[in-house]
Amino acid sequence: MAVALQVSLYPLRQMDIIEPINSVIEIFKSHGLETHVGSMSTLVYGDDEKVFKALQEAYAKASEFGEFVMVATLSNACPLPLRFDIR
């Protein structure tokens, strides 16, 4: 089943917030999931088993850096983003 995930990571009491956020984003990409990075959240699309496995791995990775808040919204009703081929 296809699923859409909107996920935001907020590192707490950490000097470097970029490394944990980038590490989490790379996990989704490494699972072959369609990943769209925004300024406040990342949208992830793919098979539900891959998305849930990647989300669990991302949570574990974020915890290696210290305290954080992760907000995740899942949907099986969101369409995939439109793709425009502009040349």
PDB file of N, CA and C in Angstrom:
ATOM      1  N   MET A   1       0.844  -1.173   0.000  1.00  0.00           N
ATOM      2  CA  MET A   1       0.000   0.000   0.000  1.00  0.00           C
ATOM      3  C   MET A   1       0.892   1.240   0.000  1.00  0.00           C
ATOM      4  N   ALA A   2       0.555   2.208  -0.825  1.00  0.00           N
ATOM      5  CA  ALA A   2       1.310   3.463  -0.873  1.00  0.00           C
ATOM      6  C   ALA A   2       0.919   4.337   0.310  1.00  0.00           C
ATOM      7  N   VAL A   3       1.902   5.022   0.831  1.00  0.00           N
ATOM      8  CA  VAL A   3       1.670   5.903   1.969  1.00  0.00           C
ATOM      9  C   VAL A   3       2.486   7.182   1.794  1.00  0.00           C
ATOM     10  N   ALA A   4       1.940   8.273   2.319  1.00  0.00           N
ATOM     11  CA  ALA A   4       2.648   9.554   2.340  1.00  0.00           C
ATOM     12  C   ALA A   4       2.974   9.887   3.788  1.00  0.00           C
ATOM     13  N   LEU A   5       4.158  10.421   4.002  1.00  0.00           N
ATOM     14  CA  LEU A   5       4.620  10.797   5.336  1.00  0.00           C
ATOM     15  C   LEU A   5       5.125  12.230   5.292  1.00  0.00           C
ATOM     16  N   GLN A   6       4.671  13.028   6.235  1.00  0.00           N
ATOM     17  CA  GLN A   6       5.257  14.352   6.450  1.00  0.00           C
ATOM     18  C   GLN A   6       5.952  14.266   7.802  1.00  0.00           C
ATOM     19  N   VAL A   7       7.252  14.513   7.818  1.00  0.00           N
ATOM     20  CA  VAL A   7       8.020  14.367   9.050  1.00  0.00           C
ATOM     21  C   VAL A   7       8.862  15.615   9.304  1.00  0.00           C
ATOM     22  N   SER A   8       8.889  16.014  10.562  1.00  0.00           N
ATOM     23  CA  SER A   8       9.712  17.151  10.998  1.00  0.00           C
ATOM     24  C   SER A   8      10.539  16.703  12.191  1.00  0.00           C
ATOM     25  N   LEU A   9      11.801  17.098  12.220  1.00  0.00           N
ATOM     26  CA  LEU A   9      12.693  16.785  13.328  1.00  0.00           C
ATOM     27  C   LEU A   9      13.154  18.086  13.956  1.00  0.00           C
ATOM     28  N   TYR A  10      13.008  18.175  15.273  1.00  0.00           N
ATOM     29  CA  TYR A  10      13.424  19.364  16.024  1.00  0.00           C
ATOM     30  C   TYR A  10      14.424  18.944  17.095  1.00  0.00           C
ATOM     31  N   PRO A  11      15.724  19.022  16.798  1.00  0.00           N
ATOM     32  CA  PRO A  11      16.731  18.692  17.807  1.00  0.00           C
ATOM     33  C   PRO A  11      16.654  19.679  18.977  1.00  0.00           C
ATOM     34  N   LEU A  12      16.761  19.161  20.190  1.00  0.00           N
ATOM     35  CA  LEU A  12      16.686  19.985  21.402  1.00  0.00           C
ATOM     36  C   LEU A  12      18.039  20.014  22.100  1.00  0.00           C
ATOM     37  N   ARG A  13      18.409  21.192  22.585  1.00  0.00           N
ATOM     38  CA  ARG A  13      19.638  21.353  23.371  1.00  0.00           C
ATOM     39  C   ARG A  13      20.856  20.744  22.667  1.00  0.00           C
ATOM     40  N   GLN A  14      20.959  20.975  21.349  1.00  0.00           N
ATOM     41  CA  GLN A  14      22.086  20.483  20.568  1.00  0.00           C
ATOM     42  C   GLN A  14      22.764  21.664  19.883  1.00  0.00           C
ATOM     43  N   MET A  15      24.076  21.654  19.884  1.00  0.00           N
ATOM     44  CA  MET A  15      24.840  22.730  19.252  1.00  0.00           C
ATOM     45  C   MET A  15      24.675  22.701  17.732  1.00  0.00           C
ATOM     46  N   ASP A  16      24.625  21.499  17.166  1.00  0.00           N
ATOM     47  CA  ASP A  16      24.502  21.346  15.715  1.00  0.00           C
ATOM     48  C   ASP A  16      23.162  20.689  15.414  1.00  0.00           C
ATOM     49  N   ILE A  17      22.279  21.407  14.740  1.00  0.00           N
ATOM     50  CA  ILE A  17      20.987  20.813  14.390  1.00  0.00           C
ATOM     51  C   ILE A  17      20.974  20.300  12.947  1.00  0.00           C
ATOM     52  N   ILE A  18      21.920  20.732  12.144  1.00  0.00           N
ATOM     53  CA  ILE A  18      21.950  20.356  10.731  1.00  0.00           C
ATOM     54  C   ILE A  18      22.303  18.881  10.553  1.00  0.00           C
ATOM     55  N   GLU A  19      23.297  18.398  11.260  1.00  0.00           N
ATOM     56  CA  GLU A  19      23.734  17.004  11.085  1.00  0.00           C
ATOM     57  C   GLU A  19      22.625  15.996  11.426  1.00  0.00           C
ATOM     58  N   PRO A  20      21.925  16.140  12.554  1.00  0.00           N
ATOM     59  CA  PRO A  20      20.854  15.174  12.813  1.00  0.00           C
ATOM     60  C   PRO A  20      19.738  15.223  11.765  1.00  0.00           C
ATOM     61  N   ILE A  21      19.370  16.406  11.340  1.00  0.00           N
ATOM     62  CA  ILE A  21      18.305  16.541  10.338  1.00  0.00           C
ATOM     63  C   ILE A  21      18.742  15.907   9.017  1.00  0.00           C
ATOM     64  N   ASN A  22      19.943  16.215   8.561  1.00  0.00           N
ATOM     65  CA  ASN A  22      20.434  15.637   7.308  1.00  0.00           C
ATOM     66  C   ASN A  22      20.575  14.118   7.405  1.00  0.00           C
ATOM     67  N   SER A  23      20.974  13.616   8.559  1.00  0.00           N
ATOM     68  CA  SER A  23      21.110  12.169   8.748  1.00  0.00           C
ATOM     69  C   SER A  23      19.766  11.467   8.605  1.00  0.00           C
ATOM     70  N   VAL A  24      18.731  12.067   9.155  1.00  0.00           N
ATOM     71  CA  VAL A  24      17.388  11.494   9.062  1.00  0.00           C
ATOM     72  C   VAL A  24      16.893  11.528   7.615  1.00  0.00           C
ATOM     73  N   ILE A  25      17.119  12.622   6.922  1.00  0.00           N
ATOM     74  CA  ILE A  25      16.700  12.729   5.518  1.00  0.00           C
ATOM     75  C   ILE A  25      17.394  11.672   4.676  1.00  0.00           C
ATOM     76  N   GLU A  26      18.671  11.462   4.910  1.00  0.00           N
ATOM     77  CA  GLU A  26      19.423  10.469   4.135  1.00  0.00           C
ATOM     78  C   GLU A  26      18.893   9.056   4.357  1.00  0.00           C
ATOM     79  N   ILE A  27      18.367   8.775   5.524  1.00  0.00           N
ATOM     80  CA  ILE A  27      17.793   7.447   5.786  1.00  0.00           C
ATOM     81  C   ILE A  27      16.613   7.196   4.854  1.00  0.00           C
ATOM     82  N   PHE A  28      15.734   8.183   4.732  1.00  0.00           N
ATOM     83  CA  PHE A  28      14.591   8.009   3.831  1.00  0.00           C
ATOM     84  C   PHE A  28      15.051   7.805   2.389  1.00  0.00           C
ATOM     85  N   LYS A  29      16.033   8.569   1.964  1.00  0.00           N
ATOM     86  CA  LYS A  29      16.554   8.427   0.607  1.00  0.00           C
ATOM     87  C   LYS A  29      17.213   7.065   0.411  1.00  0.00           C
ATOM     88  N   SER A  30      17.932   6.577   1.416  1.00  0.00           N
ATOM     89  CA  SER A  30      18.634   5.297   1.297  1.00  0.00           C
ATOM     90  C   SER A  30      17.671   4.114   1.175  1.00  0.00           C
ATOM     91  N   HIS A  31      16.437   4.303   1.598  1.00  0.00           N
ATOM     92  CA  HIS A  31      15.413   3.257   1.466  1.00  0.00           C
ATOM     93  C   HIS A  31      14.703   3.336   0.113  1.00  0.00           C
ATOM     94  N   GLY A  32      15.171   4.227  -0.749  1.00  0.00           N
ATOM     95  CA  GLY A  32      14.599   4.359  -2.081  1.00  0.00           C
ATOM     96  C   GLY A  32      13.248   5.045  -2.102  1.00  0.00           C
ATOM     97  N   LEU A  33      12.951   5.817  -1.065  1.00  0.00           N
ATOM     98  CA  LEU A  33      11.675   6.516  -0.972  1.00  0.00           C
ATOM     99  C   LEU A  33      11.760   7.875  -1.654  1.00  0.00           C
ATOM    100  N   GLU A  34      10.687   8.268  -2.304  1.00  0.00           N
ATOM    101  CA  GLU A  34      10.626   9.604  -2.895  1.00  0.00           C
ATOM    102  C   GLU A  34      10.612  10.606  -1.751  1.00  0.00           C
ATOM    103  N   THR A  35      11.575  11.519  -1.745  1.00  0.00           N
ATOM    104  CA  THR A  35      11.784  12.423  -0.616  1.00  0.00           C
ATOM    105  C   THR A  35      11.868  13.854  -1.110  1.00  0.00           C
ATOM    106  N   HIS A  36      11.041  14.728  -0.527  1.00  0.00           N
ATOM    107  CA  HIS A  36      11.018  16.148  -0.885  1.00  0.00           C
ATOM    108  C   HIS A  36      11.273  16.961   0.384  1.00  0.00           C
ATOM    109  N   VAL A  37      12.422  17.613   0.428  1.00  0.00           N
ATOM    110  CA  VAL A  37      12.830  18.368   1.609  1.00  0.00           C
ATOM    111  C   VAL A  37      12.289  19.787   1.528  1.00  0.00           C
ATOM    112  N   GLY A  38      11.621  20.213   2.593  1.00  0.00           N
ATOM    113  CA  GLY A  38      11.117  21.576   2.694  1.00  0.00           C
ATOM    114  C   GLY A  38      11.828  22.315   3.806  1.00  0.00           C
ATOM    115  N   SER A  39      11.435  23.538   4.050  1.00  0.00           N
ATOM    116  CA  SER A  39      12.102  24.342   5.073  1.00  0.00           C
ATOM    117  C   SER A  39      11.728  23.921   6.500  1.00  0.00           C
ATOM    118  N   MET A  40      10.546  23.337   6.676  1.00  0.00           N
ATOM    119  CA  MET A  40      10.106  22.939   8.023  1.00  0.00           C
ATOM    120  C   MET A  40       9.776  21.458   8.149  1.00  0.00           C
ATOM    121  N   SER A  41       9.641  20.765   7.024  1.00  0.00           N
ATOM    122  CA  SER A  41       9.325  19.341   7.069  1.00  0.00           C
ATOM    123  C   SER A  41       9.770  18.681   5.773  1.00  0.00           C
ATOM    124  N   THR A  42       9.773  17.368   5.809  1.00  0.00           N
ATOM    125  CA  THR A  42      10.134  16.571   4.651  1.00  0.00           C
ATOM    126  C   THR A  42       8.953  15.677   4.291  1.00  0.00           C
ATOM    127  N   LEU A  43       8.635  15.605   3.015  1.00  0.00           N
ATOM    128  CA  LEU A  43       7.572  14.731   2.527  1.00  0.00           C
ATOM    129  C   LEU A  43       8.211  13.485   1.948  1.00  0.00           C
ATOM    130  N   VAL A  44       7.674  12.340   2.336  1.00  0.00           N
ATOM    131  CA  VAL A  44       8.209  11.052   1.915  1.00  0.00           C
ATOM    132  C   VAL A  44       7.056  10.230   1.354  1.00  0.00           C
ATOM    133  N   TYR A  45       7.296   9.569   0.225  1.00  0.00           N
ATOM    134  CA  TYR A  45       6.275   8.748  -0.414  1.00  0.00           C
ATOM    135  C   TYR A  45       6.852   7.376  -0.721  1.00  0.00           C
ATOM    136  N   GLY A  46       6.032   6.342  -0.541  1.00  0.00           N
ATOM    137  CA  GLY A  46       6.472   5.011  -0.919  1.00  0.00           C
ATOM    138  C   GLY A  46       5.608   3.926  -0.333  1.00  0.00           C
ATOM    139  N   ASP A  47       6.073   2.701  -0.484  1.00  0.00           N
ATOM    140  CA  ASP A  47       5.403   1.532   0.051  1.00  0.00           C
ATOM    141  C   ASP A  47       5.369   1.612   1.574  1.00  0.00           C
ATOM    142  N   ASP A  48       4.240   1.262   2.171  1.00  0.00           N
ATOM    143  CA  ASP A  48       4.080   1.429   3.615  1.00  0.00           C
ATOM    144  C   ASP A  48       5.142   0.696   4.428  1.00  0.00           C
ATOM    145  N   GLU A  49       5.522  -0.492   4.014  1.00  0.00           N
ATOM    146  CA  GLU A  49       6.538  -1.231   4.774  1.00  0.00           C
ATOM    147  C   GLU A  49       7.879  -0.506   4.755  1.00  0.00           C
ATOM    148  N   LYS A  50       8.257   0.030   3.604  1.00  0.00           N
ATOM    149  CA  LYS A  50       9.515   0.783   3.504  1.00  0.00           C
ATOM    150  C   LYS A  50       9.451   2.071   4.322  1.00  0.00           C
ATOM    151  N   VAL A  51       8.314   2.765   4.252  1.00  0.00           N
ATOM    152  CA  VAL A  51       8.171   4.034   4.978  1.00  0.00           C
ATOM    153  C   VAL A  51       8.260   3.798   6.485  1.00  0.00           C
ATOM    154  N   PHE A  52       7.544   2.795   6.997  1.00  0.00           N
ATOM    155  CA  PHE A  52       7.566   2.531   8.435  1.00  0.00           C
ATOM    156  C   PHE A  52       8.938   2.073   8.906  1.00  0.00           C
ATOM    157  N   LYS A  53       9.607   1.248   8.098  1.00  0.00           N
ATOM    158  CA  LYS A  53      10.957   0.791   8.459  1.00  0.00           C
ATOM    159  C   LYS A  53      11.923   1.976   8.494  1.00  0.00           C
ATOM    160  N   ALA A  54      11.835   2.838   7.492  1.00  0.00           N
ATOM    161  CA  ALA A  54      12.707   4.011   7.443  1.00  0.00           C
ATOM    162  C   ALA A  54      12.404   4.968   8.591  1.00  0.00           C
ATOM    163  N   LEU A  55      11.129   5.143   8.935  1.00  0.00           N
ATOM    164  CA  LEU A  55      10.762   6.023  10.042  1.00  0.00           C
ATOM    165  C   LEU A  55      11.323   5.499  11.350  1.00  0.00           C
ATOM    166  N   GLN A  56      11.249   4.206  11.569  1.00  0.00           N
ATOM    167  CA  GLN A  56      11.813   3.610  12.782  1.00  0.00           C
ATOM    168  C   GLN A  56      13.329   3.813  12.836  1.00  0.00           C
ATOM    169  N   GLU A  57      13.985   3.614  11.705  1.00  0.00           N
ATOM    170  CA  GLU A  57      15.441   3.811  11.622  1.00  0.00           C
ATOM    171  C   GLU A  57      15.795   5.284  11.839  1.00  0.00           C
ATOM    172  N   ALA A  58      14.999   6.185  11.278  1.00  0.00           N
ATOM    173  CA  ALA A  58      15.239   7.625  11.436  1.00  0.00           C
ATOM    174  C   ALA A  58      15.099   8.044  12.901  1.00  0.00           C
ATOM    175  N   TYR A  59      14.104   7.491  13.567  1.00  0.00           N
ATOM    176  CA  TYR A  59      13.906   7.790  14.993  1.00  0.00           C
ATOM    177  C   TYR A  59      15.124   7.337  15.811  1.00  0.00           C
ATOM    178  N   ALA A  60      15.597   6.135  15.537  1.00  0.00           N
ATOM    179  CA  ALA A  60      16.770   5.616  16.245  1.00  0.00           C
ATOM    180  C   ALA A  60      17.999   6.472  15.964  1.00  0.00           C
ATOM    181  N   LYS A  61      18.168   6.891  14.704  1.00  0.00           N
ATOM    182  CA  LYS A  61      19.323   7.722  14.342  1.00  0.00           C
ATOM    183  C   LYS A  61      19.264   9.075  15.042  1.00  0.00           C
ATOM    184  N   ALA A  62      18.084   9.696  15.056  1.00  0.00           N
ATOM    185  CA  ALA A  62      17.940  10.997  15.710  1.00  0.00           C
ATOM    186  C   ALA A  62      18.286  10.902  17.190  1.00  0.00           C
ATOM    187  N   SER A  63      17.940   9.795  17.817  1.00  0.00           N
ATOM    188  CA  SER A  63      18.215   9.645  19.253  1.00  0.00           C
ATOM    189  C   SER A  63      19.711   9.541  19.547  1.00  0.00           C
ATOM    190  N   GLU A  64      20.508   9.144  18.562  1.00  0.00           N
ATOM    191  CA  GLU A  64      21.961   9.079  18.749  1.00  0.00           C
ATOM    192  C   GLU A  64      22.562  10.462  18.960  1.00  0.00           C
ATOM    193  N   PHE A  65      21.904  11.495  18.468  1.00  0.00           N
ATOM    194  CA  PHE A  65      22.421  12.858  18.580  1.00  0.00           C
ATOM    195  C   PHE A  65      21.998  13.549  19.874  1.00  0.00           C
ATOM    196  N   GLY A  66      20.988  13.010  20.553  1.00  0.00           N
ATOM    197  CA  GLY A  66      20.512  13.630  21.787  1.00  0.00           C
ATOM    198  C   GLY A  66      18.997  13.766  21.778  1.00  0.00           C
ATOM    199  N   GLU A  67      18.518  14.692  22.583  1.00  0.00           N
ATOM    200  CA  GLU A  67      17.082  14.884  22.718  1.00  0.00           C
ATOM    201  C   GLU A  67      16.495  15.563  21.480  1.00  0.00           C
ATOM    202  N   PHE A  68      15.240  15.232  21.173  1.00  0.00           N
ATOM    203  CA  PHE A  68      14.597  15.791  19.991  1.00  0.00           C
ATOM    204  C   PHE A  68      13.087  15.612  20.094  1.00  0.00           C
ATOM    205  N   VAL A  69      12.401  16.322  19.226  1.00  0.00           N
ATOM    206  CA  VAL A  69      10.981  16.097  18.972  1.00  0.00           C
ATOM    207  C   VAL A  69      10.865  15.741  17.499  1.00  0.00           C
ATOM    208  N   MET A  70      10.123  14.673  17.215  1.00  0.00           N
ATOM    209  CA  MET A  70       9.853  14.290  15.833  1.00  0.00           C
ATOM    210  C   MET A  70       8.340  14.257  15.658  1.00  0.00           C
ATOM    211  N   VAL A  71       7.870  14.974  14.659  1.00  0.00           N
ATOM    212  CA  VAL A  71       6.439  15.006  14.349  1.00  0.00           C
ATOM    213  C   VAL A  71       6.246  14.291  13.021  1.00  0.00           C
ATOM    214  N   ALA A  72       5.356  13.284  13.019  1.00  0.00           N
ATOM    215  CA  ALA A  72       5.110  12.514  11.803  1.00  0.00           C
ATOM    216  C   ALA A  72       3.612  12.428  11.538  1.00  0.00           C
ATOM    217  N   THR A  73       3.240  12.713  10.308  1.00  0.00           N
ATOM    218  CA  THR A  73       1.849  12.583   9.869  1.00  0.00           C
ATOM    219  C   THR A  73       1.840  11.616   8.693  1.00  0.00           C
ATOM    220  N   LEU A  74       1.003  10.579   8.795  1.00  0.00           N
ATOM    221  CA  LEU A  74       0.923   9.556   7.764  1.00  0.00           C
ATOM    222  C   LEU A  74      -0.450   9.565   7.121  1.00  0.00           C
ATOM    223  N   SER A  75      -0.492   9.248   5.823  1.00  0.00           N
ATOM    224  CA  SER A  75      -1.767   9.189   5.114  1.00  0.00           C
ATOM    225  C   SER A  75      -1.700   8.160   3.996  1.00  0.00           C
ATOM    226  N   ASN A  76      -2.787   7.432   3.820  1.00  0.00           N
ATOM    227  CA  ASN A  76      -2.895   6.546   2.663  1.00  0.00           C
ATOM    228  C   ASN A  76      -3.815   7.164   1.614  1.00  0.00           C
ATOM    229  N   ALA A  77      -4.168   8.435   1.802  1.00  0.00           N
ATOM    230  CA  ALA A  77      -5.094   9.112   0.895  1.00  0.00           C
ATOM    231  C   ALA A  77      -4.468  10.284   0.142  1.00  0.00           C
ATOM    232  N   CYS A  78      -3.206  10.576   0.398  1.00  0.00           N
ATOM    233  CA  CYS A  78      -2.555  11.704  -0.277  1.00  0.00           C
ATOM    234  C   CYS A  78      -1.991  11.246  -1.622  1.00  0.00           C
ATOM    235  N   PRO A  79      -2.264  11.983  -2.665  1.00  0.00           N
ATOM    236  CA  PRO A  79      -1.706  11.610  -3.976  1.00  0.00           C
ATOM    237  C   PRO A  79      -0.213  11.905  -4.028  1.00  0.00           C
ATOM    238  N   LEU A  80       0.448  11.202  -4.913  1.00  0.00           N
ATOM    239  CA  LEU A  80       1.864  11.502  -5.137  1.00  0.00           C
ATOM    240  C   LEU A  80       1.985  12.882  -5.749  1.00  0.00           C
ATOM    241  N   PRO A  81       3.091  13.567  -5.502  1.00  0.00           N
ATOM    242  CA  PRO A  81       3.253  14.912  -6.062  1.00  0.00           C
ATOM    243  C   PRO A  81       3.319  14.862  -7.585  1.00  0.00           C
ATOM    244  N   LEU A  82       2.818  15.917  -8.208  1.00  0.00           N
ATOM    245  CA  LEU A  82       2.898  16.025  -9.652  1.00  0.00           C
ATOM    246  C   LEU A  82       4.338  16.241 -10.067  1.00  0.00           C
ATOM    247  N   ARG A  83       4.703  15.672 -11.186  1.00  0.00           N
ATOM    248  CA  ARG A  83       6.060  15.848 -11.702  1.00  0.00           C
ATOM    249  C   ARG A  83       5.969  16.653 -12.983  1.00  0.00           C
ATOM    250  N   PHE A  84       6.728  17.720 -13.048  1.00  0.00           N
ATOM    251  CA  PHE A  84       6.758  18.558 -14.223  1.00  0.00           C
ATOM    252  C   PHE A  84       8.134  18.462 -14.848  1.00  0.00           C
ATOM    253  N   ASP A  85       8.155  18.224 -16.122  1.00  0.00           N
ATOM    254  CA  ASP A  85       9.413  18.134 -16.847  1.00  0.00           C
ATOM    255  C   ASP A  85       9.608  19.444 -17.597  1.00  0.00           C
ATOM    256  N   ILE A  86      10.284  20.402 -16.946  1.00  0.00           N
ATOM    257  CA  ILE A  86      10.523  21.713 -17.540  1.00  0.00           C
ATOM    258  C   ILE A  86      11.961  21.733 -18.038  1.00  0.00           C
ATOM    259  N   ARG A  87      12.102  22.068 -19.287  1.00  0.00           N
ATOM    260  CA  ARG A  87      13.463  22.088 -19.873  1.00  0.00           C
ATOM    261  C   ARG A  87      13.813  23.467 -20.306  1.00  0.00           C
TER     262      ARG A  87
END
